[in-house]
Amino acid sequence: KPTDPVVTSQVADLMRQAGNTDGAVELYKKAVALAPAAPQYREYLGEYLHSLKRGEEAVAVWRPMAEGGNRNSKNLARLAEVFAGFGYHKEAVGAMAEPTKLNVLLAL
């Protein structure tokens, strides 16, 4: 099922377990491309990049979880959770400040 993001991410997990770093990264990226609005695939890819000590790439993968059409309080809070969970505290604080700004703007 080449267009199924679930299967693609499962194969990426298998590639990861087999030690095929490049193959796993490419498949995680493909899963993100297949389902760009589904945050879990960005989380999987970012977690793997973080584990590979590629923190800047991980942060760049996670950020779109709360950008564009995905920019809302719920997604920003989730993004902050992800950042905090992996030790990116500065980014987490920034993401947590955004829902407050959004709510203030909506109240005006």
N, C-alpha and C. Protein backbone atom coordinates (compact mmCIF):
# COMPACT_ATOMS: atom_id res chain seq x y z
N LYS A 1 0.84 -1.19 0.00
CA LYS A 1 0.00 0.00 0.00
C LYS A 1 0.89 1.25 0.00
N PRO A 2 1.38 1.62 -1.14
CA PRO A 2 2.34 2.74 -1.21
C PRO A 2 1.77 4.11 -0.86
N THR A 3 0.45 4.24 -0.78
CA THR A 3 -0.13 5.54 -0.43
C THR A 3 -0.75 5.56 0.96
N ASP A 4 -0.48 4.56 1.76
CA ASP A 4 -1.03 4.47 3.11
C ASP A 4 0.03 4.95 4.11
N PRO A 5 -0.22 6.09 4.78
CA PRO A 5 0.79 6.60 5.72
C PRO A 5 1.02 5.69 6.92
N VAL A 6 0.01 4.95 7.34
CA VAL A 6 0.16 4.04 8.48
C VAL A 6 1.16 2.94 8.12
N VAL A 7 0.94 2.30 6.99
CA VAL A 7 1.84 1.23 6.54
C VAL A 7 3.24 1.79 6.30
N THR A 8 3.32 2.96 5.70
CA THR A 8 4.62 3.58 5.43
C THR A 8 5.38 3.82 6.72
N SER A 9 4.71 4.33 7.74
CA SER A 9 5.41 4.59 9.01
C SER A 9 5.77 3.27 9.71
N GLN A 10 4.97 2.24 9.53
CA GLN A 10 5.31 0.94 10.11
C GLN A 10 6.55 0.35 9.43
N VAL A 11 6.65 0.51 8.13
CA VAL A 11 7.84 0.04 7.42
C VAL A 11 9.05 0.88 7.84
N ALA A 12 8.84 2.18 8.06
CA ALA A 12 9.92 3.03 8.56
C ALA A 12 10.42 2.52 9.90
N ASP A 13 9.49 2.11 10.77
CA ASP A 13 9.88 1.54 12.07
C ASP A 13 10.74 0.29 11.89
N LEU A 14 10.36 -0.54 10.94
CA LEU A 14 11.14 -1.76 10.66
C LEU A 14 12.52 -1.42 10.13
N MET A 15 12.59 -0.43 9.25
CA MET A 15 13.89 0.00 8.72
C MET A 15 14.77 0.54 9.86
N ARG A 16 14.14 1.27 10.74
CA ARG A 16 14.85 1.82 11.90
C ARG A 16 15.43 0.70 12.75
N GLN A 17 14.60 -0.31 13.04
CA GLN A 17 15.05 -1.44 13.85
C GLN A 17 16.18 -2.20 13.17
N ALA A 18 16.15 -2.23 11.84
CA ALA A 18 17.18 -2.93 11.08
C ALA A 18 18.46 -2.10 10.95
N GLY A 19 18.44 -0.87 11.44
CA GLY A 19 19.62 -0.03 11.37
C GLY A 19 19.78 0.74 10.07
N ASN A 20 18.75 0.77 9.26
CA ASN A 20 18.80 1.50 7.99
C ASN A 20 18.28 2.92 8.23
N THR A 21 19.17 3.77 8.73
CA THR A 21 18.81 5.13 9.11
C THR A 21 18.24 5.92 7.94
N ASP A 22 18.95 5.94 6.83
CA ASP A 22 18.49 6.73 5.68
C ASP A 22 17.14 6.25 5.17
N GLY A 23 16.97 4.95 5.08
CA GLY A 23 15.70 4.39 4.62
C GLY A 23 14.56 4.75 5.56
N ALA A 24 14.82 4.68 6.86
CA ALA A 24 13.79 5.01 7.84
C ALA A 24 13.39 6.48 7.74
N VAL A 25 14.37 7.36 7.66
CA VAL A 25 14.08 8.79 7.56
C VAL A 25 13.25 9.08 6.32
N GLU A 26 13.64 8.51 5.20
CA GLU A 26 12.90 8.74 3.96
C GLU A 26 11.46 8.25 4.06
N LEU A 27 11.26 7.10 4.68
CA LEU A 27 9.90 6.58 4.81
C LEU A 27 9.06 7.39 5.79
N TYR A 28 9.68 7.86 6.88
CA TYR A 28 8.94 8.73 7.79
C TYR A 28 8.55 10.02 7.06
N LYS A 29 9.46 10.56 6.26
CA LYS A 29 9.15 11.77 5.47
C LYS A 29 8.01 11.48 4.49
N LYS A 30 8.02 10.31 3.90
CA LYS A 30 6.95 9.95 2.96
C LYS A 30 5.61 9.88 3.69
N ALA A 31 5.59 9.32 4.89
CA ALA A 31 4.36 9.25 5.67
C ALA A 31 3.83 10.66 5.96
N VAL A 32 4.74 11.59 6.28
CA VAL A 32 4.34 12.99 6.51
C VAL A 32 3.74 13.56 5.23
N ALA A 33 4.38 13.30 4.10
CA ALA A 33 3.88 13.82 2.82
C ALA A 33 2.53 13.23 2.45
N LEU A 34 2.32 11.97 2.80
CA LEU A 34 1.04 11.32 2.50
C LEU A 34 -0.11 11.84 3.36
N ALA A 35 0.21 12.29 4.56
CA ALA A 35 -0.82 12.79 5.48
C ALA A 35 -0.30 14.04 6.20
N PRO A 36 -0.14 15.14 5.46
CA PRO A 36 0.48 16.34 6.04
C PRO A 36 -0.29 16.95 7.21
N ALA A 37 -1.58 16.72 7.28
CA ALA A 37 -2.37 17.29 8.38
C ALA A 37 -2.42 16.39 9.61
N ALA A 38 -1.85 15.19 9.52
CA ALA A 38 -1.86 14.25 10.65
C ALA A 38 -0.58 14.43 11.45
N PRO A 39 -0.66 14.99 12.65
CA PRO A 39 0.55 15.32 13.41
C PRO A 39 1.39 14.13 13.85
N GLN A 40 0.79 12.96 13.98
CA GLN A 40 1.54 11.83 14.52
C GLN A 40 2.74 11.46 13.64
N TYR A 41 2.63 11.64 12.34
CA TYR A 41 3.75 11.27 11.46
C TYR A 41 4.90 12.25 11.62
N ARG A 42 4.58 13.51 11.86
CA ARG A 42 5.62 14.50 12.15
C ARG A 42 6.27 14.18 13.50
N GLU A 43 5.46 13.74 14.44
CA GLU A 43 6.01 13.37 15.74
C GLU A 43 6.97 12.20 15.61
N TYR A 44 6.60 11.19 14.84
CA TYR A 44 7.46 10.02 14.66
C TYR A 44 8.79 10.42 14.02
N LEU A 45 8.70 11.19 12.93
CA LEU A 45 9.92 11.61 12.23
C LEU A 45 10.78 12.48 13.15
N GLY A 46 10.17 13.42 13.81
CA GLY A 46 10.93 14.30 14.71
C GLY A 46 11.58 13.53 15.85
N GLU A 47 10.87 12.58 16.41
CA GLU A 47 11.44 11.77 17.49
C GLU A 47 12.66 11.01 17.00
N TYR A 48 12.55 10.46 15.80
CA TYR A 48 13.68 9.70 15.26
C TYR A 48 14.86 10.62 14.99
N LEU A 49 14.60 11.77 14.38
CA LEU A 49 15.69 12.73 14.13
C LEU A 49 16.33 13.17 15.44
N HIS A 50 15.51 13.41 16.46
CA HIS A 50 16.04 13.77 17.78
C HIS A 50 16.96 12.65 18.31
N SER A 51 16.52 11.41 18.17
CA SER A 51 17.32 10.28 18.66
C SER A 51 18.65 10.16 17.90
N LEU A 52 18.67 10.67 16.68
CA LEU A 52 19.90 10.66 15.87
C LEU A 52 20.76 11.90 16.13
N LYS A 53 20.37 12.70 17.14
CA LYS A 53 21.09 13.93 17.50
C LYS A 53 21.00 14.97 16.39
N ARG A 54 19.87 15.00 15.72
CA ARG A 54 19.61 15.96 14.65
C ARG A 54 18.47 16.88 15.10
N GLY A 55 18.74 17.56 16.23
CA GLY A 55 17.72 18.35 16.89
C GLY A 55 17.12 19.47 16.06
N GLU A 56 17.95 20.19 15.32
CA GLU A 56 17.41 21.29 14.50
C GLU A 56 16.44 20.76 13.45
N GLU A 57 16.78 19.62 12.88
CA GLU A 57 15.88 19.01 11.90
C GLU A 57 14.58 18.57 12.56
N ALA A 58 14.69 18.01 13.77
CA ALA A 58 13.50 17.57 14.49
C ALA A 58 12.56 18.74 14.75
N VAL A 59 13.11 19.84 15.23
CA VAL A 59 12.31 21.03 15.51
C VAL A 59 11.64 21.52 14.23
N ALA A 60 12.38 21.53 13.13
CA ALA A 60 11.82 21.97 11.85
C ALA A 60 10.69 21.06 11.37
N VAL A 61 10.79 19.78 11.67
CA VAL A 61 9.73 18.83 11.30
C VAL A 61 8.49 19.03 12.16
N TRP A 62 8.69 19.31 13.44
CA TRP A 62 7.57 19.46 14.35
C TRP A 62 6.80 20.77 14.16
N ARG A 63 7.49 21.85 13.87
CA ARG A 63 6.84 23.18 13.81
C ARG A 63 5.58 23.22 12.95
N PRO A 64 5.55 22.62 11.76
CA PRO A 64 4.34 22.70 10.94
C PRO A 64 3.09 22.05 11.57
N MET A 65 3.26 21.35 12.67
CA MET A 65 2.10 20.78 13.36
C MET A 65 1.13 21.89 13.77
N ALA A 66 1.64 23.12 13.90
CA ALA A 66 0.81 24.23 14.36
C ALA A 66 1.02 25.47 13.50
N GLU A 67 1.15 25.27 12.20
CA GLU A 67 1.31 26.38 11.27
C GLU A 67 0.20 26.36 10.23
N GLY A 68 0.02 27.49 9.57
CA GLY A 68 -0.97 27.57 8.51
C GLY A 68 -2.36 27.20 9.00
N GLY A 69 -3.01 26.29 8.27
CA GLY A 69 -4.35 25.85 8.64
C GLY A 69 -4.39 25.05 9.94
N ASN A 70 -3.22 24.62 10.41
CA ASN A 70 -3.14 23.85 11.66
C ASN A 70 -2.88 24.75 12.87
N ARG A 71 -2.84 26.06 12.66
CA ARG A 71 -2.51 26.98 13.76
C ARG A 71 -3.76 27.25 14.60
N ASN A 72 -3.84 26.57 15.70
CA ASN A 72 -4.92 26.80 16.67
C ASN A 72 -4.38 26.45 18.05
N SER A 73 -5.15 26.81 19.05
CA SER A 73 -4.70 26.61 20.43
C SER A 73 -4.39 25.15 20.75
N LYS A 74 -5.23 24.26 20.28
CA LYS A 74 -5.03 22.83 20.57
C LYS A 74 -3.72 22.33 19.97
N ASN A 75 -3.46 22.66 18.72
CA ASN A 75 -2.23 22.19 18.07
C ASN A 75 -0.99 22.86 18.64
N LEU A 76 -1.10 24.14 19.00
CA LEU A 76 0.03 24.82 19.63
C LEU A 76 0.35 24.19 20.98
N ALA A 77 -0.68 23.84 21.73
CA ALA A 77 -0.45 23.18 23.03
C ALA A 77 0.21 21.82 22.82
N ARG A 78 -0.22 21.08 21.82
CA ARG A 78 0.39 19.77 21.52
C ARG A 78 1.84 19.94 21.10
N LEU A 79 2.09 20.95 20.27
CA LEU A 79 3.46 21.23 19.85
C LEU A 79 4.34 21.55 21.06
N ALA A 80 3.83 22.35 21.96
CA ALA A 80 4.58 22.67 23.18
C ALA A 80 4.86 21.41 23.99
N GLU A 81 3.90 20.51 24.06
CA GLU A 81 4.09 19.24 24.75
C GLU A 81 5.21 18.42 24.12
N VAL A 82 5.20 18.37 22.80
CA VAL A 82 6.24 17.62 22.08
C VAL A 82 7.60 18.23 22.36
N PHE A 83 7.70 19.55 22.20
CA PHE A 83 8.98 20.22 22.47
C PHE A 83 9.47 19.94 23.88
N ALA A 84 8.59 20.11 24.85
CA ALA A 84 8.98 19.90 26.25
C ALA A 84 9.38 18.46 26.50
N GLY A 85 8.65 17.53 25.91
CA GLY A 85 8.93 16.12 26.11
C GLY A 85 10.31 15.70 25.63
N PHE A 86 10.84 16.43 24.67
CA PHE A 86 12.16 16.09 24.14
C PHE A 86 13.24 17.06 24.62
N GLY A 87 12.88 17.94 25.56
CA GLY A 87 13.87 18.81 26.17
C GLY A 87 14.11 20.12 25.44
N TYR A 88 13.25 20.49 24.53
CA TYR A 88 13.38 21.76 23.81
C TYR A 88 12.52 22.80 24.54
N HIS A 89 13.01 23.22 25.69
CA HIS A 89 12.21 24.04 26.60
C HIS A 89 11.95 25.45 26.05
N LYS A 90 12.93 26.05 25.42
CA LYS A 90 12.75 27.39 24.85
C LYS A 90 11.64 27.36 23.80
N GLU A 91 11.67 26.35 22.94
CA GLU A 91 10.65 26.21 21.90
C GLU A 91 9.28 25.92 22.52
N ALA A 92 9.26 25.13 23.59
CA ALA A 92 8.01 24.81 24.27
C ALA A 92 7.36 26.06 24.85
N VAL A 93 8.16 26.89 25.49
CA VAL A 93 7.63 28.13 26.07
C VAL A 93 7.07 29.02 24.96
N GLY A 94 7.79 29.12 23.86
CA GLY A 94 7.31 29.93 22.74
C GLY A 94 5.99 29.42 22.19
N ALA A 95 5.87 28.11 22.05
CA ALA A 95 4.64 27.52 21.54
C ALA A 95 3.49 27.71 22.52
N MET A 96 3.78 27.64 23.81
CA MET A 96 2.72 27.81 24.82
C MET A 96 2.24 29.26 24.89
N ALA A 97 3.10 30.20 24.55
CA ALA A 97 2.69 31.61 24.57
C ALA A 97 1.72 31.92 23.45
N GLU A 98 1.80 31.20 22.36
CA GLU A 98 0.97 31.47 21.19
C GLU A 98 -0.53 31.29 21.45
N PRO A 99 -0.99 30.22 22.11
CA PRO A 99 -2.44 30.12 22.35
C PRO A 99 -2.99 31.29 23.14
N THR A 100 -2.18 31.80 24.08
CA THR A 100 -2.60 32.95 24.87
C THR A 100 -2.77 34.16 23.97
N LYS A 101 -1.80 34.37 23.06
CA LYS A 101 -1.91 35.48 22.12
C LYS A 101 -3.13 35.33 21.23
N LEU A 102 -3.38 34.11 20.74
CA LEU A 102 -4.54 33.86 19.89
C LEU A 102 -5.83 34.17 20.64
N ASN A 103 -5.92 33.74 21.89
CA ASN A 103 -7.13 33.96 22.68
C ASN A 103 -7.35 35.44 22.96
N VAL A 104 -6.26 36.18 23.19
CA VAL A 104 -6.37 37.63 23.43
C VAL A 104 -6.86 38.30 22.16
N LEU A 105 -6.31 37.92 21.01
CA LEU A 105 -6.73 38.52 19.75
C LEU A 105 -8.20 38.22 19.45
N LEU A 106 -8.63 37.01 19.76
CA LEU A 106 -10.02 36.64 19.52
C LEU A 106 -10.98 37.41 20.43
N ALA A 107 -10.51 37.76 21.61
CA ALA A 107 -11.35 38.48 22.57
C ALA A 107 -11.50 39.95 22.20
N LEU A 108 -10.61 40.48 21.40
CA LEU A 108 -10.67 41.91 21.05
C LEU A 108 -11.79 42.25 20.12
